[in-house]
Protein backbone atom coordinates (compact mmCIF):
# COMPACT_ATOMS: atom_id res chain seq x y z
CA MET A 1 -77.55 -25.04 185.26
CA ALA A 2 -79.91 -26.49 182.67
CA ILE A 3 -80.73 -30.16 182.78
CA HIS A 4 -82.81 -30.48 179.61
CA LEU A 5 -80.70 -29.52 176.60
CA THR A 6 -81.08 -29.48 172.85
CA PRO A 7 -78.99 -32.03 170.92
CA THR A 8 -76.63 -29.23 169.87
CA GLU A 9 -76.10 -28.04 173.45
CA LEU A 10 -75.64 -31.60 174.70
CA ALA A 11 -73.16 -32.34 171.91
CA ARG A 12 -71.12 -29.32 172.95
CA GLU A 13 -71.07 -30.44 176.59
CA SER A 14 -70.37 -34.12 175.95
CA GLY A 15 -67.75 -33.71 173.22
CA LEU A 16 -69.81 -35.54 170.60
CA GLU A 17 -71.28 -34.42 167.31
CA ARG A 18 -74.96 -33.44 167.25
CA ARG A 19 -75.82 -36.41 165.02
CA GLU A 20 -73.98 -38.79 167.39
CA VAL A 21 -76.06 -37.50 170.32
CA ILE A 22 -79.29 -38.24 168.48
CA VAL A 23 -78.10 -41.69 167.38
CA LYS A 24 -76.99 -42.56 170.93
CA CYS A 25 -80.36 -41.43 172.30
CA MET A 26 -82.10 -43.79 169.91
CA GLU A 27 -79.70 -46.68 170.65
CA LEU A 28 -79.87 -46.24 174.42
CA GLY A 29 -83.57 -45.44 174.65
CA VAL A 30 -83.07 -41.93 176.00
CA PRO A 31 -86.17 -39.91 175.12
CA ILE A 32 -86.03 -36.64 173.21
CA PHE A 33 -89.06 -34.70 174.42
CA GLN A 34 -90.02 -31.50 172.63
CA GLY A 35 -86.52 -31.24 171.19
CA ARG A 36 -84.79 -31.54 174.56
CA ILE A 37 -82.78 -34.34 176.19
CA ASP A 38 -82.25 -34.96 179.89
CA LYS A 39 -78.51 -34.41 180.29
CA THR A 40 -78.21 -36.55 183.43
CA LEU A 41 -80.05 -39.50 181.91
CA PHE A 42 -78.07 -39.25 178.66
CA LEU A 43 -74.67 -39.15 180.36
CA ALA A 44 -75.58 -41.97 182.79
CA SER A 45 -76.82 -44.13 179.90
CA LEU A 46 -73.68 -43.36 177.91
CA ASP A 47 -71.44 -44.32 180.85
CA GLU A 48 -73.39 -47.53 181.46
CA SER A 49 -73.14 -48.42 177.79
CA ALA A 50 -69.39 -47.83 177.78
CA LEU A 51 -68.95 -50.07 180.85
CA ALA A 52 -71.02 -52.84 179.26
CA GLU A 53 -68.87 -52.76 176.11
CA GLN A 54 -65.57 -53.16 177.97
CA PRO A 55 -64.32 -56.75 178.00
CA GLU A 56 -64.01 -58.31 181.40
CA VAL A 57 -60.37 -58.74 182.44
CA SER A 58 -59.61 -61.92 184.32
CA ALA A 59 -56.81 -62.07 186.87
CA ALA A 60 -54.86 -65.09 185.69
């Protein structure tokens, strides 16, 4: 199983468009090194970003 993927391969695995993968990398600070992206770091950053965007629900 490959860990370092091209934006196209990562898009296929994550269900995003290739352009969205590149934009998210830039937004989240995930490096693209020699045309490859660390899949684990990308998905973890994406999950963390999604959690941070969710509004906090108060139990009232």
